[in-house]
Protein backbone atom coordinates (compact mmCIF):
# COMPACT_ATOMS: atom_id res chain seq x y z
CA MET A 1 12.58 10.76 14.93
CA VAL A 2 14.07 12.90 17.69
CA LYS A 3 12.40 14.87 20.44
CA SER A 4 11.80 18.52 19.69
CA VAL A 5 14.63 20.90 20.44
CA PRO A 6 14.01 24.59 21.32
CA GLY A 7 15.07 26.64 18.33
CA GLY A 8 18.70 27.69 18.42
CA THR A 9 19.59 26.18 21.79
CA ARG A 10 21.51 23.19 20.47
CA THR A 11 22.20 21.23 17.32
CA VAL A 12 20.44 17.97 16.58
CA LYS A 13 23.17 15.34 16.53
CA ALA A 14 23.85 12.86 13.75
CA TYR A 15 22.83 9.26 14.33
CA HIS A 16 24.89 6.26 13.27
CA GLY A 17 25.69 2.72 14.31
CA SER A 18 23.46 -0.31 14.77
CA THR A 19 19.70 -0.05 14.71
CA GLU A 20 19.62 -1.26 18.33
CA ARG A 21 21.95 1.54 19.41
CA ILE A 22 19.92 4.21 17.64
CA ALA A 23 16.62 2.87 19.02
CA ARG A 24 17.99 2.93 22.58
CA ASP A 25 19.12 6.55 22.39
CA PRO A 26 17.07 8.54 24.95
CA GLU A 27 16.66 11.41 22.47
CA VAL A 28 14.91 9.14 19.95
CA ASP A 29 11.18 8.86 20.61
CA MET A 30 10.06 7.11 17.41
CA VAL A 31 11.73 4.60 15.12
CA ALA A 32 11.02 4.62 11.37
CA VAL A 33 11.58 1.45 9.34
CA ALA A 34 11.96 2.25 5.65
CA VAL A 35 14.30 -0.44 4.32
CA ARG A 36 13.73 -3.23 1.81
CA THR A 37 10.96 -5.61 2.79
CA PRO A 38 13.12 -8.62 3.80
CA ALA A 39 14.70 -6.51 6.58
CA HIS A 40 11.47 -5.12 8.04
CA VAL A 41 11.22 -7.70 10.82
CA ASP A 42 14.83 -7.48 12.03
CA VAL A 43 14.88 -3.68 12.02
CA SER A 44 11.49 -3.50 13.75
CA PHE A 45 12.62 -6.00 16.38
CA ALA A 46 15.71 -3.87 17.06
CA ASN A 47 13.34 -1.21 18.36
CA PHE A 48 12.19 -3.53 21.13
CA GLN A 49 15.60 -4.53 22.49
CA GLY A 50 15.25 -1.65 24.94
CA GLU A 51 12.13 0.08 26.23
CA GLY A 52 10.49 0.18 22.79
CA LYS A 53 9.59 3.40 20.98
CA ASP A 54 6.59 4.28 18.84
CA LEU A 55 7.09 2.68 15.43
CA PHE A 56 6.63 3.64 11.78
CA VAL A 57 6.92 0.83 9.23
CA GLU A 58 6.81 1.44 5.51
CA TRP A 59 4.31 -0.61 3.57
CA PRO A 60 4.18 -3.63 3.12
CA VAL A 61 5.28 -4.24 6.74
CA GLY A 62 7.40 -7.32 6.10
CA SER A 63 7.99 -9.68 3.22
CA GLY A 64 4.85 -11.74 3.73
CA LEU A 65 1.95 -12.47 6.05
CA GLY A 66 4.18 -14.39 8.47
CA ALA A 67 6.58 -11.45 8.78
CA THR A 68 3.72 -9.02 9.39
CA ARG A 69 2.32 -11.28 12.10
CA LYS A 70 5.70 -11.27 13.87
CA ILE A 71 5.79 -7.47 13.90
CA VAL A 72 2.19 -7.24 15.09
CA GLU A 73 2.83 -9.74 17.89
CA VAL A 74 5.75 -7.80 19.36
CA VAL A 75 3.86 -4.51 19.00
CA ARG A 76 0.87 -5.93 20.89
CA LYS A 77 3.13 -7.04 23.73
CA SER A 78 4.87 -3.67 23.96
CA GLY A 79 1.81 -1.45 23.59
CA VAL A 80 3.60 1.14 21.46
CA LYS A 81 1.76 3.29 18.93
CA THR A 82 2.32 2.50 15.26
CA LEU A 83 1.98 4.15 11.87
CA VAL A 84 2.17 2.42 8.49
CA GLY A 85 3.04 4.00 5.15
CA CYS A 86 -0.40 3.54 3.59
CA GLN A 87 -0.68 7.20 2.69
CA THR A 88 -3.14 6.78 -0.20
CA ARG A 89 -6.05 6.87 2.24
CA GLN A 90 -4.96 10.50 2.85
CA ALA A 91 -5.36 11.47 -0.83
CA GLY A 92 -7.74 14.35 -1.44
CA TYR A 93 -9.88 12.29 -3.78
CA VAL A 94 -10.10 9.36 -1.34
CA ARG A 95 -11.21 11.75 1.41
CA LYS A 96 -13.83 13.18 -0.93
CA VAL A 97 -15.05 9.70 -1.86
CA LYS A 98 -15.38 8.78 1.82
CA GLU A 99 -17.24 12.02 2.52
CA ILE A 100 -19.69 11.27 -0.30
CA VAL A 101 -20.19 7.61 0.65
CA ASP A 102 -20.67 8.43 4.35
CA SER A 103 -23.09 11.28 3.57
CA GLY A 104 -25.73 8.91 2.23
CA ILE A 105 -26.04 10.72 -1.10
CA LEU A 106 -25.66 7.41 -2.93
CA GLY A 107 -27.93 5.48 -0.59
CA ARG A 108 -27.02 1.92 0.27
CA ILE A 109 -23.86 0.92 -1.58
CA LEU A 110 -24.52 -2.04 -3.86
CA ALA A 111 -21.29 -2.52 -5.79
CA THR A 112 -17.96 -1.02 -6.68
CA SER A 113 -15.67 -1.81 -9.61
CA VAL A 114 -12.05 -0.63 -9.82
CA ILE A 115 -9.66 -0.84 -12.76
CA VAL A 116 -6.19 0.53 -12.01
CA SER A 117 -2.87 0.43 -13.82
CA SER A 118 0.66 -0.05 -12.57
CA TYR A 119 2.94 1.88 -14.91
CA TYR A 120 6.51 2.03 -13.66
CA PRO A 121 8.86 1.91 -16.68
CA GLY A 122 11.87 -0.26 -16.00
CA VAL A 123 10.46 -1.84 -12.87
CA ARG A 124 7.94 -4.57 -13.74
CA GLY A 125 7.55 -6.65 -16.88
CA PRO A 126 10.25 -8.05 -19.21
CA THR A 127 12.95 -5.75 -17.79
CA THR A 128 13.79 -4.32 -14.38
CA PHE A 129 16.42 -2.01 -12.96
CA THR A 130 19.05 -3.82 -10.91
CA GLN A 131 18.21 -1.68 -7.86
CA VAL A 132 14.71 -3.18 -7.64
CA SER A 133 15.37 -6.64 -9.04
CA TYR A 134 14.79 -8.13 -5.58
CA ALA A 135 11.09 -7.33 -6.04
CA MET A 136 10.87 -9.83 -8.91
CA ASP A 137 11.00 -12.68 -6.37
CA ALA A 138 7.58 -13.02 -4.75
CA ALA A 139 9.23 -14.37 -1.60
CA ASN A 140 10.50 -10.84 -0.89
CA GLY A 141 6.93 -9.53 -0.63
CA ALA A 142 7.24 -6.64 -3.06
CA THR A 143 5.18 -7.83 -6.04
CA MET A 144 2.65 -5.64 -7.79
CA LEU A 145 -0.07 -7.31 -5.73
CA ASP A 146 1.83 -6.68 -2.49
CA ILE A 147 2.65 -3.02 -3.19
CA ASP A 148 0.00 -1.55 -5.52
CA GLY A 149 -2.63 -4.06 -4.45
CA GLY A 150 -1.90 -3.47 -0.78
CA HIS A 151 -2.44 0.28 -1.01
CA LEU A 152 -5.69 -0.30 -2.93
CA ILE A 153 -6.99 -2.91 -0.48
CA ASP A 154 -6.22 -0.60 2.45
CA VAL A 155 -8.36 2.12 0.86
CA LEU A 156 -11.19 -0.29 -0.01
CA GLN A 157 -11.33 -1.51 3.60
CA TYR A 158 -11.10 2.08 4.86
CA LEU A 159 -14.15 2.97 2.75
CA PHE A 160 -16.27 -0.18 2.89
CA GLY A 161 -15.08 -2.27 5.84
CA ASP A 162 -13.15 -5.51 6.11
CA ILE A 163 -13.12 -7.93 3.17
CA ALA A 164 -14.32 -11.39 4.23
CA PHE A 165 -13.47 -13.60 1.26
CA VAL A 166 -12.13 -13.43 -2.29
CA ASN A 167 -12.17 -15.07 -5.70
CA ALA A 168 -9.05 -14.19 -7.65
CA HIS A 169 -6.95 -14.77 -10.74
CA VAL A 170 -3.26 -13.89 -10.57
CA ALA A 171 -0.99 -13.95 -13.64
CA THR A 172 2.78 -13.80 -14.07
CA GLN A 173 3.22 -12.93 -17.75
CA TYR A 174 7.02 -13.01 -17.93
CA SER A 175 8.78 -16.00 -16.38
CA THR A 176 12.16 -14.26 -16.62
CA VAL A 177 13.25 -10.64 -16.40
CA GLN A 178 16.30 -8.86 -17.79
CA PRO A 179 18.10 -6.68 -15.21
CA ILE A 180 19.01 -3.24 -16.60
CA ASP A 181 21.67 -0.86 -15.33
CA TYR A 182 19.84 2.34 -14.32
CA THR A 183 22.73 4.62 -15.36
CA THR A 184 23.58 3.13 -18.75
CA GLY A 185 20.25 1.61 -19.68
CA LYS A 186 22.09 -1.52 -20.81
CA PRO A 187 21.55 -5.15 -19.77
CA ALA A 188 23.34 -6.10 -16.55
CA GLY A 189 24.00 -9.83 -16.55
CA GLU A 190 21.74 -12.62 -17.69
CA PRO A 191 17.94 -12.78 -17.39
CA ILE A 192 16.76 -14.03 -13.99
CA PRO A 193 13.62 -15.96 -12.99
CA GLN A 194 10.75 -13.87 -11.71
CA SER A 195 7.54 -14.58 -9.83
CA ASP A 196 6.17 -11.03 -9.78
CA THR A 197 2.46 -10.52 -10.46
CA HIS A 198 1.49 -8.67 -13.65
CA GLN A 199 -2.30 -9.03 -13.74
CA VAL A 200 -4.69 -9.44 -10.81
CA VAL A 201 -8.47 -9.86 -11.01
CA LEU A 202 -10.21 -9.91 -7.66
CA GLY A 203 -13.89 -10.43 -6.89
CA ILE A 204 -15.63 -10.11 -3.55
CA SER A 205 -19.34 -10.63 -2.98
CA ASP A 206 -21.05 -9.74 0.27
CA ALA A 207 -23.41 -6.91 1.20
CA THR A 208 -21.34 -4.86 -1.25
CA VAL A 209 -19.99 -6.51 -4.40
CA LEU A 210 -16.40 -5.51 -5.19
CA SER A 211 -14.61 -6.15 -8.46
CA VAL A 212 -10.94 -5.20 -8.81
CA ASN A 213 -8.53 -5.38 -11.75
CA ILE A 214 -4.89 -4.35 -11.22
CA ARG A 215 -2.98 -4.18 -14.52
CA ASN A 216 0.74 -3.94 -15.14
CA VAL A 217 1.05 -1.80 -18.29
CA LEU A 218 4.17 -1.16 -20.36
CA THR A 219 3.25 2.11 -22.11
CA GLU A 220 1.70 5.35 -20.90
CA HIS A 221 -1.20 4.72 -23.27
CA GLY A 222 -2.33 1.92 -20.97
CA ALA A 223 -2.13 4.04 -17.84
CA GLY A 224 -5.24 5.24 -16.06
CA MET A 225 -7.84 4.48 -13.43
CA PHE A 226 -11.59 3.94 -13.70
CA TRP A 227 -13.56 3.38 -10.51
CA VAL A 228 -17.35 3.22 -10.14
CA ILE A 229 -19.33 3.03 -6.91
CA ASP A 230 -23.03 2.24 -7.38
CA GLY A 231 -25.64 2.98 -4.73
CA GLU A 232 -29.41 2.73 -4.65
CA LYS A 233 -29.70 6.51 -5.18
CA GLY A 234 -26.80 7.27 -7.47
CA THR A 235 -23.40 6.54 -8.94
CA LEU A 236 -19.96 7.86 -8.07
CA LYS A 237 -17.22 7.79 -10.71
CA ILE A 238 -13.52 8.34 -10.03
CA VAL A 239 -11.62 8.74 -13.30
CA ALA A 240 -7.96 9.45 -14.10
CA ASP A 241 -7.00 9.24 -17.77
CA GLY A 242 -3.50 8.37 -18.93
CA MET A 243 -0.68 9.80 -16.85
CA LYS A 244 -3.20 11.26 -14.39
CA GLY A 245 -3.41 7.67 -13.17
CA PRO A 246 -0.12 5.82 -13.72
CA SER A 247 -0.83 3.85 -10.55
CA PHE A 248 -3.27 3.82 -7.67
CA LEU A 249 -0.64 5.40 -5.43
CA LEU A 250 -0.04 8.35 -7.75
CA ALA A 251 -3.49 8.89 -9.27
CA GLN A 252 -5.00 12.38 -9.40
CA PRO A 253 -8.51 11.65 -10.63
CA GLU A 254 -11.70 13.60 -11.14
CA VAL A 255 -14.71 12.74 -8.99
CA TRP A 256 -18.23 12.72 -10.45
CA VAL A 257 -21.57 12.05 -8.74
CA ASN A 258 -24.62 11.52 -10.95
CA GLY A 259 -22.97 13.51 -13.75
CA GLU A 260 -21.86 16.40 -11.53
CA LYS A 261 -18.14 17.04 -11.05
CA PHE A 262 -17.09 17.57 -7.43
CA ASP A 263 -14.16 19.73 -6.36
CA VAL A 264 -11.24 17.69 -5.05
CA GLU A 265 -8.17 18.92 -3.22
CA GLU A 266 -5.18 18.45 -5.52
CA ASP A 267 -2.22 16.73 -3.91
CA GLY A 268 0.72 14.48 -4.67
CA GLU A 269 2.41 11.66 -2.84
CA LYS A 270 4.50 14.04 -0.71
CA GLU A 271 1.41 15.83 0.58
CA ARG A 272 -0.29 12.50 1.29
CA ILE A 273 2.70 11.26 3.25
CA ALA A 274 2.76 14.50 5.26
CA LYS A 275 -0.94 14.17 6.09
CA ASN A 276 -0.38 10.59 7.20
CA TRP A 277 2.18 11.76 9.75
CA GLU A 278 0.04 14.74 10.80
CA ARG A 279 -2.96 12.56 11.59
CA PHE A 280 -0.77 10.21 13.59
CA ALA A 281 0.73 13.14 15.52
CA ASP A 282 -2.76 14.50 16.19
CA GLY A 283 -3.91 11.13 17.52
CA LYS A 284 -6.69 10.72 14.96
CA GLU A 285 -7.09 6.97 15.29
CA GLY A 286 -8.83 5.34 12.35
CA GLU A 287 -7.63 8.08 10.02
CA TYR A 288 -4.20 6.51 9.53
CA ALA A 289 -3.11 2.89 9.13
CA THR A 290 -1.50 0.93 11.97
CA VAL A 291 0.22 -2.46 11.93
CA GLU A 292 -3.17 -3.97 12.83
CA ASP A 293 -4.59 -2.50 9.62
CA ALA A 294 -1.55 -3.81 7.76
CA LEU A 295 -2.24 -7.31 9.07
CA LYS A 296 -5.81 -7.16 7.75
CA VAL A 297 -4.56 -6.11 4.32
CA LYS A 298 -1.84 -8.78 4.24
CA LYS A 299 -4.43 -11.46 5.06
CA VAL A 300 -6.49 -10.35 2.05
CA ILE A 301 -3.38 -10.43 -0.15
CA GLU A 302 -2.52 -13.94 1.04
CA ALA A 303 -6.10 -15.01 0.34
CA VAL A 304 -5.74 -13.62 -3.19
CA PHE A 305 -2.55 -15.62 -3.75
CA VAL A 306 -4.19 -18.80 -2.41
CA SER A 307 -7.32 -18.27 -4.51
CA GLY A 308 -5.24 -17.64 -7.63
CA ARG A 309 -3.17 -20.76 -7.01
CA GLU A 310 -6.00 -23.10 -6.10
CA GLY A 311 -8.80 -21.67 -8.23
CA ARG A 312 -11.35 -21.38 -5.43
CA ARG A 313 -13.08 -18.90 -3.20
CA VAL A 314 -10.99 -18.29 -0.08
CA SER A 315 -12.07 -16.95 3.29
CA VAL A 316 -9.70 -14.30 4.62
CA GLU A 317 -9.98 -15.86 8.08
CA GLU A 318 -8.57 -19.20 6.90
CA VAL A 319 -5.16 -17.83 5.88
């Protein structure tokens, strides 16, 4: 990001070289980190070799909870402003859901149940494109739970507050994956081990009971989203059939309250990303995710992994 230039007075220069060199340039006032997850920490740290600029980090803000904590620690010391690529909270339907929930129309919220799909042909399952094969190793922090689950958890906490503990089941349904060349569509090398997540069932019980099912599906017939929010005075349904809901990130659902359909602003991922940046630029704190929000989400994700591994209820604070 470069400082604004009066129209027509001079040309914005090209930037190249090391991340440290770019971050130190006096004409750069914000650094954006949008590389593969294993490099998030190093590239973010490069921003703080000099005075430190405001920082954007693409979700999931590092390859695991430890990496996220490192980024948060250096941000806290520097005091810079941050923005995270959790743009789904900007979706028109999410904004409408928040408006309805906050209005009191539903009364006290008792429970919410979410079933979402993750339909990305050639990415997750028995095959994967070589370009994204790194995501098949859970150590790189780009599993279905990390990416799709992270965006969903961010929205749930945006709507209902922080999650305190979880009970979870996590399944890897294919122990190996066949890399595929994106151009030819043919196998590229031998199958490789994978530790990606393909099915996640998550339960949370507190003042509001949450039930979440994230499903990796292999055909468009399995795609879709069904979300119900029950209150003492009514029920809110968010429904996206088929390719209207290939994933939580891309869903364009209908919103119904007590049988009445509500108008929802139609938007896509590009519009949601733009709104994320606009709200940051306008200083609307709480309306966009920061690295502090990312840390809260990553702690929930880690609790899900621990619960799935150990078969017990896990407090988010213990991870």
